[in-house]
Amino acid sequence: MNIDLTINPDLVRNLLTRFIRAEITRTGLSRAVIGLSGGIDSALVAFLAVEALGAENVLGVRLPYRTSSQESLDHALLVIEALGIPHKTIPITGMADALIEQFPAMSPLRQGNIMARCRMVTLYDQSEDFHGLVIGTGNKTEILLGYSTLFGDSAHAINPIGDLYKAQVRQLSRALSVTQPILDKAPSADLWAGQTDEQELGFTYEEADKLLYLLVDQRFSPEECVEAGFAPEFVQTVTRRIRRNHFKRVMPVIAKITTRTVGYDFLYLRDWGT
């Protein structure tokens, strides 16, 4: 089956810059804070934010841990220099190690979650200092697969690329002339030395994008995806991840007691006067 994930980059670019501008200015603010990892997702968000708000209104923050690669720092700097945005480098090693060192047998996954949450604590502190909203950098593929840390990299005020699959992030990044070394590198959260997203997931983003598109956008059943040519084990793995990680995609579930409950009935823009 031919699965086409091509977007109209000019249209999407216009929609997303307008989204950023509208969602930030409706709060009475005019600035944004972005954690720059050196990867394609945060680079694209920075390019969009600058187009929406102006370079002087976008703060890029590098947040290295002691095991972070120099390449990640260098690539984040490429974005900063290309856009001419104000920036800070705030190491999180001391914050993270204060907890990590208390548990010598801590797994890399636990350590990575601590790092992600330390980064978000720092970004929200900078949000207050810079008077700007934290913009999220997670794409649709990551969100559906639950490939994020709850209250870590999944915590933000708005997310302009959360409805773009990884392949579409790449297409839009090329259209916006995101720096070439960032386009070429293997996706990595840089949580420990040598870590890559696809190695940890056990499959490629290209494979995941196509299957997710059928499951989510086209509403195929898992059985229909197998009939379309996907391996049954792969379909089962991805479907299980989508279902298991749903709690990361919603606000914490509230037990319903009254007739007007946040998230159930008190839900729409009209409820708070918009």
Protein backbone atom coordinates (compact mmCIF):
# COMPACT_ATOMS: atom_id res chain seq x y z
CA MET A 1 0.00 0.00 0.00
CA ASN A 2 1.27 3.44 -0.94
CA ILE A 3 1.01 5.70 2.12
CA ASP A 4 1.61 9.36 1.30
CA LEU A 5 2.41 11.63 4.25
CA THR A 6 3.31 14.64 2.11
CA ILE A 7 2.13 18.01 3.41
CA ASN A 8 1.80 21.41 1.80
CA PRO A 9 4.72 23.09 3.58
CA ASP A 10 3.69 26.66 2.75
CA LEU A 11 0.17 26.12 4.11
CA VAL A 12 1.37 24.31 7.26
CA ARG A 13 4.04 26.94 7.86
CA ASN A 14 1.42 29.67 7.72
CA LEU A 15 -0.98 27.79 9.99
CA LEU A 16 1.66 27.05 12.61
CA THR A 17 3.15 30.54 12.77
CA ARG A 18 -0.35 31.97 13.14
CA PHE A 19 -1.09 29.37 15.82
CA ILE A 20 2.01 30.33 17.83
CA ARG A 21 1.28 34.03 17.57
CA ALA A 22 -2.41 33.65 18.47
CA GLU A 23 -1.97 31.26 21.37
CA ILE A 24 0.80 33.28 23.00
CA THR A 25 -0.70 36.74 22.52
CA ARG A 26 -4.10 35.61 23.84
CA THR A 27 -2.40 35.17 27.24
CA GLY A 28 -1.18 38.77 27.16
CA LEU A 29 2.40 37.68 26.46
CA SER A 30 4.53 38.04 23.36
CA ARG A 31 7.52 35.81 24.04
CA ALA A 32 8.47 32.12 23.95
CA VAL A 33 11.01 29.84 25.62
CA ILE A 34 12.30 26.75 23.82
CA GLY A 35 14.60 24.01 25.04
CA LEU A 36 17.09 23.40 22.22
CA SER A 37 18.32 19.81 22.18
CA GLY A 38 20.24 19.98 18.93
CA GLY A 39 17.58 17.82 17.28
CA ILE A 40 15.24 18.50 14.39
CA ASP A 41 12.03 18.93 16.40
CA SER A 42 13.24 21.74 18.66
CA ALA A 43 15.06 23.35 15.72
CA LEU A 44 11.87 23.45 13.66
CA VAL A 45 9.88 24.91 16.57
CA ALA A 46 12.52 27.61 17.03
CA PHE A 47 12.38 28.54 13.33
CA LEU A 48 8.56 28.73 13.46
CA ALA A 49 8.56 30.75 16.68
CA VAL A 50 10.99 33.30 15.31
CA GLU A 51 8.85 33.72 12.21
CA ALA A 52 5.77 34.16 14.41
CA LEU A 53 7.17 36.39 17.16
CA GLY A 54 10.49 37.85 16.02
CA ALA A 55 13.97 36.69 17.00
CA GLU A 56 14.24 38.99 20.01
CA ASN A 57 11.16 37.36 21.55
CA VAL A 58 12.36 33.76 21.46
CA LEU A 59 14.74 32.44 24.11
CA GLY A 60 16.71 29.32 23.21
CA VAL A 61 17.94 27.31 26.20
CA ARG A 62 20.56 24.57 26.06
CA LEU A 63 20.31 22.20 29.04
CA PRO A 64 23.24 19.76 29.00
CA TYR A 65 23.86 16.93 31.42
CA ARG A 66 27.43 15.70 31.95
CA THR A 67 26.89 12.82 29.50
CA SER A 68 25.32 15.02 26.80
CA SER A 69 27.18 14.90 23.53
CA GLN A 70 29.16 17.88 22.34
CA GLU A 71 27.50 17.44 18.97
CA SER A 72 24.08 18.15 20.52
CA LEU A 73 25.37 21.38 22.06
CA ASP A 74 27.03 22.37 18.79
CA HIS A 75 23.90 21.71 16.75
CA ALA A 76 21.76 23.71 19.17
CA LEU A 77 24.25 26.56 18.78
CA LEU A 78 23.85 26.34 14.99
CA VAL A 79 20.13 27.07 15.45
CA ILE A 80 20.84 29.94 17.83
CA GLU A 81 23.32 31.52 15.41
CA ALA A 82 21.14 30.96 12.34
CA LEU A 83 18.18 32.68 13.99
CA GLY A 84 20.02 35.29 16.05
CA ILE A 85 17.95 34.60 19.16
CA PRO A 86 18.86 35.31 22.79
CA HIS A 87 20.09 32.17 24.48
CA LYS A 88 21.34 30.57 27.68
CA THR A 89 23.23 27.41 28.54
CA ILE A 90 22.19 25.99 31.91
CA PRO A 91 23.77 22.66 32.92
CA ILE A 92 21.42 20.34 34.81
CA THR A 93 24.09 17.95 36.13
CA GLY A 94 24.00 19.22 39.71
CA MET A 95 20.21 19.12 39.85
CA ALA A 96 19.91 15.64 38.40
CA ASP A 97 22.82 14.07 40.27
CA ALA A 98 21.48 15.26 43.61
CA LEU A 99 18.85 12.55 43.20
CA ILE A 100 20.62 10.07 40.91
CA GLU A 101 23.59 9.64 43.24
CA GLN A 102 21.30 8.53 46.06
CA PHE A 103 20.43 5.38 44.10
CA PRO A 104 23.61 3.72 42.71
CA ALA A 105 21.64 0.98 40.91
CA MET A 106 19.34 3.43 39.13
CA SER A 107 18.52 2.35 35.57
CA PRO A 108 19.30 4.55 32.55
CA LEU A 109 15.55 5.00 32.03
CA ARG A 110 15.05 6.41 35.51
CA GLN A 111 18.06 8.68 35.07
CA GLY A 112 16.72 9.89 31.73
CA ASN A 113 13.33 10.70 33.25
CA ILE A 114 15.02 12.73 35.99
CA MET A 115 17.03 14.66 33.41
CA ALA A 116 13.91 15.40 31.36
CA ARG A 117 12.07 16.71 34.41
CA CYS A 118 15.04 18.80 35.53
CA ARG A 119 15.09 20.37 32.07
CA MET A 120 11.42 21.25 32.27
CA VAL A 121 11.80 22.75 35.76
CA THR A 122 14.56 24.93 34.35
CA LEU A 123 12.55 25.94 31.28
CA TYR A 124 9.60 27.00 33.41
CA ASP A 125 11.90 29.03 35.64
CA GLN A 126 13.24 30.75 32.53
CA SER A 127 9.65 31.22 31.35
CA GLU A 128 8.99 33.37 34.40
CA ASP A 129 12.25 35.28 34.03
CA PHE A 130 11.84 35.90 30.27
CA HIS A 131 8.06 36.44 30.51
CA GLY A 132 7.34 33.94 27.76
CA LEU A 133 5.48 30.66 27.36
CA VAL A 134 7.28 27.33 27.09
CA ILE A 135 6.70 25.87 23.64
CA GLY A 136 6.63 22.08 23.27
CA THR A 137 8.71 20.22 20.70
CA GLY A 138 7.15 16.74 20.60
CA ASN A 139 5.89 15.44 17.26
CA LYS A 140 2.78 13.32 16.60
CA THR A 141 4.75 10.08 16.30
CA GLU A 142 6.33 10.52 19.74
CA ILE A 143 3.05 11.59 21.33
CA LEU A 144 1.12 8.59 20.00
CA LEU A 145 3.86 6.14 20.99
CA GLY A 146 4.22 7.69 24.45
CA TYR A 147 7.89 8.33 23.72
CA SER A 148 8.23 11.17 26.19
CA THR A 149 8.59 11.81 29.92
CA LEU A 150 5.38 12.84 31.67
CA PHE A 151 5.93 16.27 33.27
CA GLY A 152 9.28 16.34 31.50
CA ASP A 153 9.53 17.01 27.77
CA SER A 154 5.76 16.52 27.51
CA ALA A 155 5.14 19.58 29.72
CA HIS A 156 4.58 22.86 27.85
CA ALA A 157 2.02 25.59 27.29
CA ILE A 158 1.49 25.03 23.55
CA ASN A 159 2.78 22.61 20.94
CA PRO A 160 2.88 23.67 17.28
CA ILE A 161 4.20 20.37 15.83
CA GLY A 162 2.21 17.83 17.84
CA ASP A 163 0.02 17.01 14.82
CA LEU A 164 2.94 16.40 12.46
CA TYR A 165 4.46 12.95 12.02
CA LYS A 166 8.24 12.72 12.08
CA ALA A 167 8.38 12.51 8.27
CA GLN A 168 6.31 15.69 8.05
CA VAL A 169 8.58 17.43 10.56
CA ARG A 170 11.48 16.62 8.25
CA GLN A 171 9.62 17.94 5.21
CA LEU A 172 8.67 21.21 6.90
CA SER A 173 12.19 21.61 8.30
CA ARG A 174 13.65 21.35 4.81
CA ALA A 175 11.17 23.98 3.58
CA LEU A 176 12.25 26.35 6.37
CA SER A 177 15.95 25.71 5.62
CA VAL A 178 16.73 24.24 9.04
CA THR A 179 20.49 23.73 9.32
CA GLN A 180 21.64 20.73 7.26
CA PRO A 181 23.62 18.82 9.94
CA ILE A 182 20.46 18.71 12.04
CA LEU A 183 18.45 17.34 9.13
CA ASP A 184 21.04 14.61 8.59
CA LYS A 185 21.54 13.36 12.17
CA ALA A 186 19.90 10.31 13.74
CA PRO A 187 17.06 11.25 16.13
CA SER A 188 18.20 11.07 19.76
CA ALA A 189 16.96 12.33 23.13
CA ASP A 190 20.65 12.34 24.16
CA LEU A 191 19.75 10.91 27.56
CA TRP A 192 22.85 8.71 27.69
CA ALA A 193 25.91 8.17 25.53
CA GLY A 194 25.10 6.59 22.16
CA GLN A 195 21.34 6.58 22.72
CA THR A 196 19.11 6.89 19.66
CA ASP A 197 15.31 6.98 19.51
CA GLU A 198 14.94 4.25 16.91
CA GLN A 199 17.32 1.89 18.71
CA GLU A 200 15.34 2.31 21.91
CA LEU A 201 11.96 1.95 20.20
CA GLY A 202 13.01 -1.10 18.20
CA PHE A 203 11.74 0.22 14.86
CA THR A 204 12.25 3.22 12.59
CA TYR A 205 10.22 6.41 12.55
CA GLU A 206 9.51 5.82 8.87
CA GLU A 207 7.85 2.49 9.68
CA ALA A 208 5.98 3.92 12.65
CA ASP A 209 4.70 6.96 10.77
CA LYS A 210 3.03 4.87 8.08
CA LEU A 211 1.41 2.46 10.51
CA LEU A 212 0.24 5.23 12.84
CA TYR A 213 -1.26 7.09 9.90
CA LEU A 214 -3.41 4.06 9.07
CA LEU A 215 -4.34 3.31 12.69
CA VAL A 216 -5.08 6.89 13.75
CA ASP A 217 -5.85 9.07 10.74
CA GLN A 218 -7.46 6.43 8.54
CA ARG A 219 -9.01 4.47 11.46
CA PHE A 220 -7.77 1.11 10.22
CA SER A 221 -8.19 -1.80 12.62
CA PRO A 222 -5.00 -3.70 13.56
CA GLU A 223 -6.22 -6.57 11.39
CA GLU A 224 -6.63 -4.27 8.39
CA CYS A 225 -3.08 -2.97 8.93
CA VAL A 226 -1.78 -6.55 8.77
CA GLU A 227 -3.76 -7.07 5.57
CA ALA A 228 -2.11 -3.87 4.22
CA GLY A 229 1.30 -5.51 4.61
CA PHE A 230 2.54 -4.68 8.11
CA ALA A 231 4.01 -7.47 10.24
CA PRO A 232 1.53 -8.66 12.91
CA GLU A 233 4.09 -8.33 15.72
CA PHE A 234 4.90 -4.75 14.70
CA VAL A 235 1.22 -3.82 14.56
CA GLN A 236 0.67 -5.37 17.98
CA THR A 237 3.67 -3.53 19.47
CA VAL A 238 2.58 -0.13 18.16
CA THR A 239 -1.08 -0.63 19.05
CA ARG A 240 -0.12 -1.64 22.56
CA ARG A 241 2.05 1.46 22.96
CA ILE A 242 -0.76 3.75 21.79
CA ARG A 243 -3.22 2.26 24.26
CA ARG A 244 -0.82 1.93 27.19
CA ASN A 245 0.37 5.53 26.93
CA HIS A 246 -3.00 7.24 26.54
CA PHE A 247 -2.69 8.68 30.06
CA LYS A 248 0.22 10.81 28.83
CA ARG A 249 -1.99 12.48 26.23
CA VAL A 250 -4.74 13.71 28.55
CA MET A 251 -5.08 15.75 31.70
CA PRO A 252 -5.10 13.67 34.91
CA VAL A 253 -8.44 11.86 35.16
CA ILE A 254 -10.79 13.43 37.72
CA ALA A 255 -13.39 11.35 39.56
CA LYS A 256 -16.79 12.77 38.57
CA ILE A 257 -18.96 13.83 41.53
CA THR A 258 -20.82 16.98 40.47
CA THR A 259 -22.81 17.94 37.36
CA ARG A 260 -20.04 20.26 36.08
CA THR A 261 -16.67 18.56 36.20
CA VAL A 262 -13.43 19.91 34.72
CA GLY A 263 -12.53 17.87 31.65
CA TYR A 264 -15.99 16.34 31.29
CA ASP A 265 -18.63 19.08 31.27
CA PHE A 266 -16.58 22.24 31.94
CA LEU A 267 -14.71 21.61 28.74
CA TYR A 268 -15.27 24.14 25.99
CA LEU A 269 -13.94 27.62 25.23
CA ARG A 270 -17.39 29.09 25.92
CA ASP A 271 -17.16 27.80 29.51
CA TRP A 272 -14.54 30.42 30.36
CA GLY A 273 -15.90 33.23 28.24
CA THR A 274 -13.90 32.85 25.01
